[in-house]
Amino acid sequence: MQLMAHRGASGLAPENTLAAFRLALDYQPDWFELDVHATADGEIVVMHDATVDRTTNGTGAIAGLTLAEIRGLDAGSWKGAEFAGEPVPLLAEVVELAGDRVRLNVEIKGGPDLPATAARVVDILRAGGVLGRSEVSSFDLSAVKAVQALTDEPALALITSRPEDLETVIEHGLGWLNLHYAGVSADLVARAHAAGVGICAWTINDLTRWDEFKTLGVDIFCTDLAHQARPPPSR
């Protein structure tokens, strides 16, 4: 079972920042999970929320702010004084940091023009030489389908909390179901694997359950606590 660091080492550093991803590398995860949005001027930045309010000292929707405006914000102080001045990263910066050391699960969040965002994400991953080693995921099937229409290189995943969405994944020829851990069962994993679909269980912060999910056959264990999960508690 592979380890995915959710928003980087988000248990230790401000989520979705280069500080979090650099720190996560120390714990040798197999994957980084990160969230992306398009700015008002079409640049792809890494942040979970649709607004900058929660994780920076600014306010406003990412889609309504330019890259220059977003890059001027402090995305670290909310987590701790030692992270003061940490900027909102570009997707391209995380790609460069990851290189061939760790795979990327890039979650496309909402926005006014998902096809354009999907195309930019594909371009950035390709330019960084990691497209074939990455996964592109979303709660929005249309975002995943937009990537699928452009290339078959990255793995594609639907994110959901509904186990029955496995049928949607199979119907649309996607390779992954990224499912909230509460919906994972041995039967679901078996049906997914029989259809050639991998299962990523998110976001599990009770690390005593590592062996449980491994026994169920889960392929990827996504957690905020990558720094505690490797080595797993049972090793």
C-alpha atoms as a PDB file:
ATOM      1  CA  MET A   1       0.000   0.000   0.000  1.00  0.00           C
ATOM      2  CA  GLN A   2       1.376   3.365  -1.019  1.00  0.00           C
ATOM      3  CA  LEU A   3       1.493   6.503   1.121  1.00  0.00           C
ATOM      4  CA  MET A   4       0.028   9.829  -0.045  1.00  0.00           C
ATOM      5  CA  ALA A   5       0.891  13.040   1.811  1.00  0.00           C
ATOM      6  CA  HIS A   6      -2.326  15.084   1.849  1.00  0.00           C
ATOM      7  CA  ARG A   7      -1.515  18.704   0.950  1.00  0.00           C
ATOM      8  CA  GLY A   8       2.107  17.890   1.764  1.00  0.00           C
ATOM      9  CA  ALA A   9       3.199  17.485   5.370  1.00  0.00           C
ATOM     10  CA  SER A  10       0.070  19.362   6.372  1.00  0.00           C
ATOM     11  CA  GLY A  11       0.214  18.101   9.942  1.00  0.00           C
ATOM     12  CA  LEU A  12       3.463  19.992  10.448  1.00  0.00           C
ATOM     13  CA  ALA A  13       3.514  22.872   7.971  1.00  0.00           C
ATOM     14  CA  PRO A  14       1.005  25.161   6.227  1.00  0.00           C
ATOM     15  CA  GLU A  15      -0.950  22.988   3.806  1.00  0.00           C
ATOM     16  CA  ASN A  16      -0.324  23.218   0.068  1.00  0.00           C
ATOM     17  CA  THR A  17       2.846  25.302   0.408  1.00  0.00           C
ATOM     18  CA  LEU A  18       6.363  24.527  -0.721  1.00  0.00           C
ATOM     19  CA  ALA A  19       7.322  24.357   2.959  1.00  0.00           C
ATOM     20  CA  ALA A  20       4.825  21.523   3.423  1.00  0.00           C
ATOM     21  CA  PHE A  21       5.962  19.665   0.319  1.00  0.00           C
ATOM     22  CA  ARG A  22       9.671  20.053   1.115  1.00  0.00           C
ATOM     23  CA  LEU A  23       9.102  18.747   4.621  1.00  0.00           C
ATOM     24  CA  ALA A  24       7.020  15.845   3.307  1.00  0.00           C
ATOM     25  CA  LEU A  25       9.953  14.686   1.192  1.00  0.00           C
ATOM     26  CA  ASP A  26      11.813  13.868   4.404  1.00  0.00           C
ATOM     27  CA  TYR A  27       9.261  11.123   5.082  1.00  0.00           C
ATOM     28  CA  GLN A  28       9.481   9.586   1.618  1.00  0.00           C
ATOM     29  CA  PRO A  29       5.820   9.413   0.639  1.00  0.00           C
ATOM     30  CA  ASP A  30       4.966   7.816  -2.686  1.00  0.00           C
ATOM     31  CA  TRP A  31       2.589  10.659  -3.554  1.00  0.00           C
ATOM     32  CA  PHE A  32       1.848  14.310  -2.872  1.00  0.00           C
ATOM     33  CA  GLU A  33      -1.814  15.304  -2.970  1.00  0.00           C
ATOM     34  CA  LEU A  34      -2.418  18.952  -3.861  1.00  0.00           C
ATOM     35  CA  ASP A  35      -5.302  21.168  -4.919  1.00  0.00           C
ATOM     36  CA  VAL A  36      -5.277  23.680  -7.752  1.00  0.00           C
ATOM     37  CA  HIS A  37      -7.283  26.667  -8.931  1.00  0.00           C
ATOM     38  CA  ALA A  38      -6.926  29.099 -11.826  1.00  0.00           C
ATOM     39  CA  THR A  39      -6.318  32.759 -11.055  1.00  0.00           C
ATOM     40  CA  ALA A  40      -8.072  35.620 -12.814  1.00  0.00           C
ATOM     41  CA  ASP A  41      -5.201  35.733 -15.305  1.00  0.00           C
ATOM     42  CA  GLY A  42      -5.186  31.991 -15.951  1.00  0.00           C
ATOM     43  CA  GLU A  43      -2.252  30.887 -13.812  1.00  0.00           C
ATOM     44  CA  ILE A  44      -2.530  27.654 -11.814  1.00  0.00           C
ATOM     45  CA  VAL A  45      -1.906  28.024  -8.090  1.00  0.00           C
ATOM     46  CA  VAL A  46      -1.940  25.472  -5.300  1.00  0.00           C
ATOM     47  CA  MET A  47      -4.620  26.013  -2.648  1.00  0.00           C
ATOM     48  CA  HIS A  48      -7.530  24.002  -1.341  1.00  0.00           C
ATOM     49  CA  ASP A  49     -10.237  26.609  -0.842  1.00  0.00           C
ATOM     50  CA  ALA A  50     -11.852  28.705  -3.561  1.00  0.00           C
ATOM     51  CA  THR A  51     -10.934  31.812  -1.555  1.00  0.00           C
ATOM     52  CA  VAL A  52      -7.665  32.870   0.025  1.00  0.00           C
ATOM     53  CA  ASP A  53      -9.344  33.795   3.314  1.00  0.00           C
ATOM     54  CA  ARG A  54      -8.592  30.729   5.471  1.00  0.00           C
ATOM     55  CA  THR A  55      -4.929  30.134   4.695  1.00  0.00           C
ATOM     56  CA  THR A  56      -3.555  33.605   3.900  1.00  0.00           C
ATOM     57  CA  ASN A  57      -3.709  37.131   5.243  1.00  0.00           C
ATOM     58  CA  GLY A  58      -5.847  38.181   2.270  1.00  0.00           C
ATOM     59  CA  THR A  59      -9.465  37.936   1.230  1.00  0.00           C
ATOM     60  CA  GLY A  60     -11.283  37.130  -1.969  1.00  0.00           C
ATOM     61  CA  ALA A  61     -11.889  34.430  -4.522  1.00  0.00           C
ATOM     62  CA  ILE A  62      -8.849  32.999  -6.309  1.00  0.00           C
ATOM     63  CA  ALA A  63     -10.732  33.291  -9.606  1.00  0.00           C
ATOM     64  CA  GLY A  64     -11.063  37.027  -9.013  1.00  0.00           C
ATOM     65  CA  LEU A  65      -7.439  37.688  -8.088  1.00  0.00           C
ATOM     66  CA  THR A  66      -4.384  37.916 -10.325  1.00  0.00           C
ATOM     67  CA  LEU A  67      -1.276  35.860  -9.743  1.00  0.00           C
ATOM     68  CA  ALA A  68       0.597  38.980  -8.643  1.00  0.00           C
ATOM     69  CA  GLU A  69      -2.066  39.713  -6.041  1.00  0.00           C
ATOM     70  CA  ILE A  70      -2.026  36.150  -4.723  1.00  0.00           C
ATOM     71  CA  ARG A  71       1.768  35.936  -4.663  1.00  0.00           C
ATOM     72  CA  GLY A  72       1.841  38.993  -2.425  1.00  0.00           C
ATOM     73  CA  LEU A  73      -0.043  37.163   0.324  1.00  0.00           C
ATOM     74  CA  ASP A  74       1.345  35.385   3.384  1.00  0.00           C
ATOM     75  CA  ALA A  75       0.226  31.747   3.277  1.00  0.00           C
ATOM     76  CA  GLY A  76       2.255  30.579   6.264  1.00  0.00           C
ATOM     77  CA  SER A  77       1.670  32.688   9.352  1.00  0.00           C
ATOM     78  CA  TRP A  78      -1.682  31.066  10.144  1.00  0.00           C
ATOM     79  CA  LYS A  79       0.196  27.831  10.860  1.00  0.00           C
ATOM     80  CA  GLY A  80       3.045  29.341  12.848  1.00  0.00           C
ATOM     81  CA  ALA A  81       5.392  32.297  13.050  1.00  0.00           C
ATOM     82  CA  GLU A  82       8.216  30.194  11.619  1.00  0.00           C
ATOM     83  CA  PHE A  83       6.299  30.029   8.342  1.00  0.00           C
ATOM     84  CA  ALA A  84       5.675  33.775   8.033  1.00  0.00           C
ATOM     85  CA  GLY A  85       5.964  35.008   4.468  1.00  0.00           C
ATOM     86  CA  GLU A  86       5.472  31.594   2.857  1.00  0.00           C
ATOM     87  CA  PRO A  87       3.886  32.310  -0.537  1.00  0.00           C
ATOM     88  CA  VAL A  88       1.090  30.534  -2.369  1.00  0.00           C
ATOM     89  CA  PRO A  89       2.926  28.240  -4.801  1.00  0.00           C
ATOM     90  CA  LEU A  90       2.408  27.712  -8.482  1.00  0.00           C
ATOM     91  CA  LEU A  91       1.684  24.180  -9.649  1.00  0.00           C
ATOM     92  CA  ALA A  92       4.863  24.409 -11.742  1.00  0.00           C
ATOM     93  CA  GLU A  93       6.912  24.974  -8.574  1.00  0.00           C
ATOM     94  CA  VAL A  94       5.542  21.842  -6.914  1.00  0.00           C
ATOM     95  CA  VAL A  95       6.199  19.888 -10.112  1.00  0.00           C
ATOM     96  CA  GLU A  96       9.811  21.073 -10.093  1.00  0.00           C
ATOM     97  CA  LEU A  97      10.227  20.172  -6.418  1.00  0.00           C
ATOM     98  CA  ALA A  98       8.705  16.716  -6.857  1.00  0.00           C
ATOM     99  CA  GLY A  99      10.692  15.810  -9.962  1.00  0.00           C
ATOM    100  CA  ASP A 100      11.060  12.061 -10.132  1.00  0.00           C
ATOM    101  CA  ARG A 101      11.149  11.668  -6.342  1.00  0.00           C
ATOM    102  CA  VAL A 102       7.421  11.539  -5.683  1.00  0.00           C
ATOM    103  CA  ARG A 103       4.273  11.233  -7.778  1.00  0.00           C
ATOM    104  CA  LEU A 104       1.617  13.938  -7.850  1.00  0.00           C
ATOM    105  CA  ASN A 105      -2.130  13.703  -7.365  1.00  0.00           C
ATOM    106  CA  VAL A 106      -3.364  17.047  -8.679  1.00  0.00           C
ATOM    107  CA  GLU A 107      -6.943  17.761  -7.653  1.00  0.00           C
ATOM    108  CA  ILE A 108      -8.711  20.267  -9.871  1.00  0.00           C
ATOM    109  CA  LYS A 109     -11.128  22.268  -7.763  1.00  0.00           C
ATOM    110  CA  GLY A 110     -14.052  24.316  -9.094  1.00  0.00           C
ATOM    111  CA  GLY A 111     -13.853  27.400 -11.247  1.00  0.00           C
ATOM    112  CA  PRO A 112     -15.505  29.307 -14.040  1.00  0.00           C
ATOM    113  CA  ASP A 113     -13.713  27.496 -16.893  1.00  0.00           C
ATOM    114  CA  LEU A 114     -12.805  23.941 -15.932  1.00  0.00           C
ATOM    115  CA  PRO A 115     -11.770  22.847 -19.457  1.00  0.00           C
ATOM    116  CA  ALA A 116      -9.251  25.689 -19.632  1.00  0.00           C
ATOM    117  CA  THR A 117      -7.961  24.855 -16.157  1.00  0.00           C
ATOM    118  CA  ALA A 118      -7.643  21.193 -17.098  1.00  0.00           C
ATOM    119  CA  ALA A 119      -5.674  22.095 -20.225  1.00  0.00           C
ATOM    120  CA  ARG A 120      -3.285  24.300 -18.245  1.00  0.00           C
ATOM    121  CA  VAL A 121      -2.749  21.548 -15.678  1.00  0.00           C
ATOM    122  CA  VAL A 122      -1.905  19.074 -18.434  1.00  0.00           C
ATOM    123  CA  ASP A 123       0.498  21.562 -20.050  1.00  0.00           C
ATOM    124  CA  ILE A 124       2.299  22.200 -16.760  1.00  0.00           C
ATOM    125  CA  LEU A 125       2.650  18.525 -15.893  1.00  0.00           C
ATOM    126  CA  ARG A 126       3.892  17.764 -19.401  1.00  0.00           C
ATOM    127  CA  ALA A 127       6.390  20.635 -19.374  1.00  0.00           C
ATOM    128  CA  GLY A 128       7.714  19.374 -16.046  1.00  0.00           C
ATOM    129  CA  GLY A 129       8.184  15.865 -17.415  1.00  0.00           C
ATOM    130  CA  VAL A 130       5.813  14.275 -14.896  1.00  0.00           C
ATOM    131  CA  LEU A 131       2.543  13.901 -16.821  1.00  0.00           C
ATOM    132  CA  GLY A 132       2.805  10.134 -17.200  1.00  0.00           C
ATOM    133  CA  ARG A 133       3.671   9.708 -13.509  1.00  0.00           C
ATOM    134  CA  SER A 134       0.842  11.888 -12.197  1.00  0.00           C
ATOM    135  CA  GLU A 135      -2.812  11.525 -11.342  1.00  0.00           C
ATOM    136  CA  VAL A 136      -5.386  14.211 -12.100  1.00  0.00           C
ATOM    137  CA  SER A 137      -8.462  14.046  -9.909  1.00  0.00           C
ATOM    138  CA  SER A 138     -11.604  15.994  -9.083  1.00  0.00           C
ATOM    139  CA  PHE A 139     -14.989  15.782  -7.403  1.00  0.00           C
ATOM    140  CA  ASP A 140     -16.268  17.248 -10.677  1.00  0.00           C
ATOM    141  CA  LEU A 141     -16.464  14.546 -13.357  1.00  0.00           C
ATOM    142  CA  SER A 142     -16.418  17.197 -16.089  1.00  0.00           C
ATOM    143  CA  ALA A 143     -12.924  18.297 -15.010  1.00  0.00           C
ATOM    144  CA  VAL A 144     -11.629  14.737 -15.211  1.00  0.00           C
ATOM    145  CA  LYS A 145     -13.316  14.219 -18.567  1.00  0.00           C
ATOM    146  CA  ALA A 146     -11.710  17.414 -19.865  1.00  0.00           C
ATOM    147  CA  VAL A 147      -8.285  15.936 -19.105  1.00  0.00           C
ATOM    148  CA  GLN A 148      -9.310  12.593 -20.589  1.00  0.00           C
ATOM    149  CA  ALA A 149     -10.225  14.352 -23.844  1.00  0.00           C
ATOM    150  CA  LEU A 150      -6.725  15.819 -24.065  1.00  0.00           C
ATOM    151  CA  THR A 151      -4.451  12.918 -23.164  1.00  0.00           C
ATOM    152  CA  ASP A 152      -4.362   9.382 -21.835  1.00  0.00           C
ATOM    153  CA  GLU A 153      -1.022   9.887 -20.068  1.00  0.00           C
ATOM    154  CA  PRO A 154      -1.982  10.726 -16.482  1.00  0.00           C
ATOM    155  CA  ALA A 155      -4.025   8.470 -14.259  1.00  0.00           C
ATOM    156  CA  LEU A 156      -7.534   9.872 -13.813  1.00  0.00           C
ATOM    157  CA  ALA A 157      -9.603   9.736 -10.643  1.00  0.00           C
ATOM    158  CA  LEU A 158     -13.062  10.678  -9.482  1.00  0.00           C
ATOM    159  CA  ILE A 159     -13.104  11.855  -5.861  1.00  0.00           C
ATOM    160  CA  THR A 160     -16.206  10.969  -3.895  1.00  0.00           C
ATOM    161  CA  SER A 161     -17.630   9.786  -0.602  1.00  0.00           C
ATOM    162  CA  ARG A 162     -20.146   7.529  -2.411  1.00  0.00           C
ATOM    163  CA  PRO A 163     -19.041   3.910  -2.942  1.00  0.00           C
ATOM    164  CA  GLU A 164     -21.649   3.549  -5.682  1.00  0.00           C
ATOM    165  CA  ASP A 165     -19.656   6.008  -7.794  1.00  0.00           C
ATOM    166  CA  LEU A 166     -17.394   3.101  -8.670  1.00  0.00           C
ATOM    167  CA  GLU A 167     -19.887   2.432 -11.453  1.00  0.00           C
ATOM    168  CA  THR A 168     -19.346   5.954 -12.813  1.00  0.00           C
ATOM    169  CA  VAL A 169     -15.588   5.435 -12.753  1.00  0.00           C
ATOM    170  CA  ILE A 170     -15.915   2.185 -14.680  1.00  0.00           C
ATOM    171  CA  GLU A 171     -18.436   3.648 -17.132  1.00  0.00           C
ATOM    172  CA  HIS A 172     -16.114   6.522 -18.039  1.00  0.00           C
ATOM    173  CA  GLY A 173     -12.932   4.470 -18.226  1.00  0.00           C
ATOM    174  CA  LEU A 174     -11.158   6.118 -15.310  1.00  0.00           C
ATOM    175  CA  GLY A 175      -8.342   4.343 -13.551  1.00  0.00           C
ATOM    176  CA  TRP A 176      -8.974   5.411  -9.959  1.00  0.00           C
ATOM    177  CA  LEU A 177     -11.703   5.891  -7.392  1.00  0.00           C
ATOM    178  CA  ASN A 178     -10.507   8.243  -4.647  1.00  0.00           C
ATOM    179  CA  LEU A 179     -12.990   7.385  -1.931  1.00  0.00           C
ATOM    180  CA  HIS A 180     -13.552   8.715   1.575  1.00  0.00           C
ATOM    181  CA  TYR A 181     -12.263   6.012   3.884  1.00  0.00           C
ATOM    182  CA  ALA A 182     -15.662   5.445   5.531  1.00  0.00           C
ATOM    183  CA  GLY A 183     -16.980   4.008   2.258  1.00  0.00           C
ATOM    184  CA  VAL A 184     -14.180   1.510   1.699  1.00  0.00           C
ATOM    185  CA  SER A 185     -14.968  -2.197   2.044  1.00  0.00           C
ATOM    186  CA  ALA A 186     -13.323  -5.412   0.943  1.00  0.00           C
ATOM    187  CA  ASP A 187     -16.151  -6.035  -1.522  1.00  0.00           C
ATOM    188  CA  LEU A 188     -15.780  -2.622  -3.121  1.00  0.00           C
ATOM    189  CA  VAL A 189     -12.011  -2.979  -3.439  1.00  0.00           C
ATOM    190  CA  ALA A 190     -12.427  -6.415  -5.007  1.00  0.00           C
ATOM    191  CA  ARG A 191     -14.979  -5.120  -7.525  1.00  0.00           C
ATOM    192  CA  ALA A 192     -12.766  -2.144  -8.356  1.00  0.00           C
ATOM    193  CA  HIS A 193      -9.677  -4.275  -8.879  1.00  0.00           C
ATOM    194  CA  ALA A 194     -11.618  -6.719 -11.037  1.00  0.00           C
ATOM    195  CA  ALA A 195     -12.449  -3.750 -13.289  1.00  0.00           C
ATOM    196  CA  GLY A 196      -8.863  -2.481 -13.305  1.00  0.00           C
ATOM    197  CA  VAL A 197      -9.632   0.441 -10.976  1.00  0.00           C
ATOM    198  CA  GLY A 198      -7.342   1.439  -8.107  1.00  0.00           C
ATOM    199  CA  ILE A 199      -8.610   2.664  -4.729  1.00  0.00           C
ATOM    200  CA  CYS A 200      -7.185   5.622  -2.847  1.00  0.00           C
ATOM    201  CA  ALA A 201      -8.730   6.035   0.622  1.00  0.00           C
ATOM    202  CA  TRP A 202      -8.822   9.587   1.981  1.00  0.00           C
ATOM    203  CA  THR A 203      -8.115  11.185   4.465  1.00  0.00           C
ATOM    204  CA  ILE A 204      -7.130   8.784   7.240  1.00  0.00           C
ATOM    205  CA  ASN A 205      -5.521  10.316  10.307  1.00  0.00           C
ATOM    206  CA  ASP A 206      -5.951   7.315  12.603  1.00  0.00           C
ATOM    207  CA  LEU A 207      -2.726   5.571  11.694  1.00  0.00           C
ATOM    208  CA  THR A 208      -3.585   2.517  13.757  1.00  0.00           C
ATOM    209  CA  ARG A 209      -5.837   1.635  10.819  1.00  0.00           C
ATOM    210  CA  TRP A 210      -2.947   1.217   8.352  1.00  0.00           C
ATOM    211  CA  ASP A 211      -3.028  -2.585   8.565  1.00  0.00           C
ATOM    212  CA  GLU A 212      -6.822  -2.620   8.304  1.00  0.00           C
ATOM    213  CA  PHE A 213      -6.832  -0.747   4.999  1.00  0.00           C
ATOM    214  CA  LYS A 214      -3.869  -2.725   3.730  1.00  0.00           C
ATOM    215  CA  THR A 215      -5.784  -5.940   4.439  1.00  0.00           C
ATOM    216  CA  LEU A 216      -8.805  -4.561   2.566  1.00  0.00           C
ATOM    217  CA  GLY A 217      -6.557  -4.193  -0.471  1.00  0.00           C
ATOM    218  CA  VAL A 218      -6.518  -0.394  -0.637  1.00  0.00           C
ATOM    219  CA  ASP A 219      -3.843   0.818  -3.039  1.00  0.00           C
ATOM    220  CA  ILE A 220      -3.123   4.271  -1.576  1.00  0.00           C
ATOM    221  CA  PHE A 221      -3.467   5.498   2.015  1.00  0.00           C
ATOM    222  CA  CYS A 222      -3.917   9.297   2.059  1.00  0.00           C
ATOM    223  CA  THR A 223      -3.171  11.113   5.323  1.00  0.00           C
ATOM    224  CA  ASP A 224      -2.271  14.477   6.838  1.00  0.00           C
ATOM    225  CA  LEU A 225       0.213  12.599   9.033  1.00  0.00           C
ATOM    226  CA  ALA A 226       2.713  11.276   6.525  1.00  0.00           C
ATOM    227  CA  HIS A 227       5.455  12.109   9.031  1.00  0.00           C
ATOM    228  CA  GLN A 228       3.998   9.486  11.377  1.00  0.00           C
ATOM    229  CA  ALA A 229       2.940   6.951   8.751  1.00  0.00           C
ATOM    230  CA  ARG A 230       6.349   6.119   7.356  1.00  0.00           C
ATOM    231  CA  PRO A 231       7.370   3.725   8.547  1.00  0.00           C
ATOM    232  CA  PRO A 232       3.829   2.511   9.195  1.00  0.00           C
ATOM    233  CA  PRO A 233       3.010   1.742  12.830  1.00  0.00           C
ATOM    234  CA  SER A 234       3.047  -2.016  12.232  1.00  0.00           C
ATOM    235  CA  ARG A 235       6.581  -2.225  10.839  1.00  0.00           C
END
